Amino acid sequence: MNKAFACDLNHSQIMRYLHKIGYTRKVLTVWGAQRKGMLRANHAIKMAYYTRDHLVFLDGSAVDERSTHRKFGYAPAGNRAMEDRTLTHSKCWSVLLALTSTGLRAL
């Protein structure tokens, strides 16, 4: 950070300043960018064209790659730490079971 902003700050100075202006560390509340009303309505219209034979529900154990997502953030005291984030699925492995309109299938 010192190189990027041409300043001489360390972690302690930043933490003290955040505390001084009333910011506290708390668990980050994540709102999906998909929570937009018009986008949800468009999705519902698209989904209405599918029949039950088109749908497959998966259940099982998987591994994902979300380790780079932040869990904590900073906000003024009394307010939630929030972030808009596009919620996507990462690569997953080891799906074990699929439920279709004709029954269960092992994968």
C-alpha atoms as a PDB file:
ATOM      1  CA  MET A   1       0.000   0.000   0.000  1.00  0.00           C
ATOM      2  CA  ASN A   2       2.839   2.375   0.736  1.00  0.00           C
ATOM      3  CA  LYS A   3       4.090   2.120  -2.847  1.00  0.00           C
ATOM      4  CA  ALA A   4       0.630   2.426  -4.386  1.00  0.00           C
ATOM      5  CA  PHE A   5      -0.284   5.605  -2.486  1.00  0.00           C
ATOM      6  CA  ALA A   6       3.204   7.072  -1.920  1.00  0.00           C
ATOM      7  CA  CYS A   7       2.742   7.247   1.853  1.00  0.00           C
ATOM      8  CA  ASP A   8       4.347   5.727   4.923  1.00  0.00           C
ATOM      9  CA  LEU A   9       1.563   3.974   6.876  1.00  0.00           C
ATOM     10  CA  ASN A  10       1.518   0.731   8.773  1.00  0.00           C
ATOM     11  CA  HIS A  11      -1.310  -1.550   9.877  1.00  0.00           C
ATOM     12  CA  SER A  12      -1.451  -0.141  13.432  1.00  0.00           C
ATOM     13  CA  GLN A  13      -1.823   3.444  12.227  1.00  0.00           C
ATOM     14  CA  ILE A  14      -4.660   2.498   9.914  1.00  0.00           C
ATOM     15  CA  MET A  15      -6.431   0.531  12.662  1.00  0.00           C
ATOM     16  CA  ARG A  16      -6.099   3.406  15.152  1.00  0.00           C
ATOM     17  CA  TYR A  17      -7.503   5.876  12.614  1.00  0.00           C
ATOM     18  CA  LEU A  18     -10.476   3.631  11.795  1.00  0.00           C
ATOM     19  CA  HIS A  19     -11.191   3.313  15.522  1.00  0.00           C
ATOM     20  CA  LYS A  20     -10.835   7.088  16.000  1.00  0.00           C
ATOM     21  CA  ILE A  21     -13.449   7.872  13.337  1.00  0.00           C
ATOM     22  CA  GLY A  22     -15.857   5.302  14.809  1.00  0.00           C
ATOM     23  CA  TYR A  23     -15.346   2.285  12.560  1.00  0.00           C
ATOM     24  CA  THR A  24     -15.295  -1.204  14.081  1.00  0.00           C
ATOM     25  CA  ARG A  25     -14.430  -4.623  12.667  1.00  0.00           C
ATOM     26  CA  LYS A  26     -17.437  -6.868  12.156  1.00  0.00           C
ATOM     27  CA  VAL A  27     -18.657  -9.806  10.101  1.00  0.00           C
ATOM     28  CA  LEU A  28     -19.387  -8.668   6.542  1.00  0.00           C
ATOM     29  CA  THR A  29     -23.011  -8.904   5.386  1.00  0.00           C
ATOM     30  CA  VAL A  30     -22.975  -9.917   1.724  1.00  0.00           C
ATOM     31  CA  TRP A  31     -25.876  -8.982  -0.526  1.00  0.00           C
ATOM     32  CA  GLY A  32     -26.052 -10.744  -3.857  1.00  0.00           C
ATOM     33  CA  ALA A  33     -25.877  -8.424  -6.842  1.00  0.00           C
ATOM     34  CA  GLN A  34     -28.605 -10.688  -8.245  1.00  0.00           C
ATOM     35  CA  ARG A  35     -31.119  -9.214  -5.760  1.00  0.00           C
ATOM     36  CA  LYS A  36     -32.342  -6.640  -8.263  1.00  0.00           C
ATOM     37  CA  GLY A  37     -36.122  -6.750  -8.789  1.00  0.00           C
ATOM     38  CA  MET A  38     -36.104  -6.475 -12.583  1.00  0.00           C
ATOM     39  CA  LEU A  39     -33.436  -9.159 -12.955  1.00  0.00           C
ATOM     40  CA  ARG A  40     -35.380 -11.491 -10.668  1.00  0.00           C
ATOM     41  CA  ALA A  41     -38.577 -10.895 -12.658  1.00  0.00           C
ATOM     42  CA  ASN A  42     -36.766 -11.651 -15.928  1.00  0.00           C
ATOM     43  CA  HIS A  43     -35.368 -14.842 -14.412  1.00  0.00           C
ATOM     44  CA  ALA A  44     -38.844 -15.922 -13.256  1.00  0.00           C
ATOM     45  CA  ILE A  45     -40.210 -15.376 -16.779  1.00  0.00           C
ATOM     46  CA  LYS A  46     -37.403 -17.482 -18.284  1.00  0.00           C
ATOM     47  CA  MET A  47     -37.911 -20.253 -15.718  1.00  0.00           C
ATOM     48  CA  ALA A  48     -41.651 -20.423 -16.525  1.00  0.00           C
ATOM     49  CA  TYR A  49     -40.803 -22.042 -19.878  1.00  0.00           C
ATOM     50  CA  TYR A  50     -39.234 -25.105 -18.235  1.00  0.00           C
ATOM     51  CA  THR A  51     -41.294 -28.170 -17.405  1.00  0.00           C
ATOM     52  CA  ARG A  52     -40.597 -30.568 -14.549  1.00  0.00           C
ATOM     53  CA  ASP A  53     -38.847 -32.892 -17.022  1.00  0.00           C
ATOM     54  CA  HIS A  54     -36.242 -30.193 -17.678  1.00  0.00           C
ATOM     55  CA  LEU A  55     -35.278 -29.870 -14.007  1.00  0.00           C
ATOM     56  CA  VAL A  56     -32.588 -31.848 -12.181  1.00  0.00           C
ATOM     57  CA  PHE A  57     -31.786 -31.205  -8.514  1.00  0.00           C
ATOM     58  CA  LEU A  58     -28.311 -32.142  -7.303  1.00  0.00           C
ATOM     59  CA  ASP A  59     -27.205 -33.027  -3.801  1.00  0.00           C
ATOM     60  CA  GLY A  60     -23.913 -34.196  -2.446  1.00  0.00           C
ATOM     61  CA  SER A  61     -20.498 -33.218  -1.271  1.00  0.00           C
ATOM     62  CA  ALA A  62     -18.313 -30.723  -3.117  1.00  0.00           C
ATOM     63  CA  VAL A  63     -15.162 -28.618  -2.968  1.00  0.00           C
ATOM     64  CA  ASP A  64     -15.241 -24.961  -3.999  1.00  0.00           C
ATOM     65  CA  GLU A  65     -12.758 -22.123  -4.455  1.00  0.00           C
ATOM     66  CA  ARG A  66     -14.267 -19.275  -2.395  1.00  0.00           C
ATOM     67  CA  SER A  67     -11.210 -18.831  -0.186  1.00  0.00           C
ATOM     68  CA  THR A  68     -10.502 -15.350  -1.624  1.00  0.00           C
ATOM     69  CA  HIS A  69     -13.858 -13.902  -0.472  1.00  0.00           C
ATOM     70  CA  ARG A  70     -13.678 -11.597   2.528  1.00  0.00           C
ATOM     71  CA  LYS A  71     -15.714 -12.458   5.582  1.00  0.00           C
ATOM     72  CA  PHE A  72     -15.032  -9.286   7.602  1.00  0.00           C
ATOM     73  CA  GLY A  73     -15.313  -5.591   6.771  1.00  0.00           C
ATOM     74  CA  TYR A  74     -15.338  -2.157   8.418  1.00  0.00           C
ATOM     75  CA  ALA A  75     -18.259   0.210   8.937  1.00  0.00           C
ATOM     76  CA  PRO A  76     -19.248   2.984  11.339  1.00  0.00           C
ATOM     77  CA  ALA A  77     -20.260   1.721  14.783  1.00  0.00           C
ATOM     78  CA  GLY A  78     -23.931   0.723  14.760  1.00  0.00           C
ATOM     79  CA  ASN A  79     -24.007   0.013  11.012  1.00  0.00           C
ATOM     80  CA  ARG A  80     -23.519  -3.255   9.160  1.00  0.00           C
ATOM     81  CA  ALA A  81     -20.457  -3.833   7.043  1.00  0.00           C
ATOM     82  CA  MET A  82     -21.958  -4.557   3.633  1.00  0.00           C
ATOM     83  CA  GLU A  83     -20.680  -5.368   0.178  1.00  0.00           C
ATOM     84  CA  ASP A  84     -22.357  -5.961  -3.180  1.00  0.00           C
ATOM     85  CA  ARG A  85     -20.785  -9.044  -4.669  1.00  0.00           C
ATOM     86  CA  THR A  86     -21.707 -11.081  -7.714  1.00  0.00           C
ATOM     87  CA  LEU A  87     -22.406 -14.480  -6.233  1.00  0.00           C
ATOM     88  CA  THR A  88     -21.056 -17.162  -8.509  1.00  0.00           C
ATOM     89  CA  HIS A  89     -20.335 -20.811  -8.147  1.00  0.00           C
ATOM     90  CA  SER A  90     -16.740 -21.921  -8.358  1.00  0.00           C
ATOM     91  CA  LYS A  91     -15.533 -25.240  -9.725  1.00  0.00           C
ATOM     92  CA  CYS A  92     -17.116 -28.082  -7.777  1.00  0.00           C
ATOM     93  CA  TRP A  93     -16.336 -31.763  -7.640  1.00  0.00           C
ATOM     94  CA  SER A  94     -17.892 -34.960  -6.242  1.00  0.00           C
ATOM     95  CA  VAL A  95     -21.604 -34.448  -6.832  1.00  0.00           C
ATOM     96  CA  LEU A  96     -23.180 -37.681  -5.645  1.00  0.00           C
ATOM     97  CA  LEU A  97     -26.926 -37.658  -6.355  1.00  0.00           C
ATOM     98  CA  ALA A  98     -29.426 -36.191  -8.849  1.00  0.00           C
ATOM     99  CA  LEU A  99     -33.195 -35.985  -8.380  1.00  0.00           C
ATOM    100  CA  THR A 100     -35.201 -35.941 -11.635  1.00  0.00           C
ATOM    101  CA  SER A 101     -38.901 -36.254 -12.421  1.00  0.00           C
ATOM    102  CA  THR A 102     -38.351 -40.006 -12.919  1.00  0.00           C
ATOM    103  CA  GLY A 103     -36.493 -40.595  -9.647  1.00  0.00           C
ATOM    104  CA  LEU A 104     -32.998 -40.597  -8.149  1.00  0.00           C
ATOM    105  CA  ARG A 105     -29.821 -41.088 -10.171  1.00  0.00           C
ATOM    106  CA  ALA A 106     -26.290 -41.675  -8.912  1.00  0.00           C
ATOM    107  CA  LEU A 107     -23.631 -39.632 -10.668  1.00  0.00           C
END
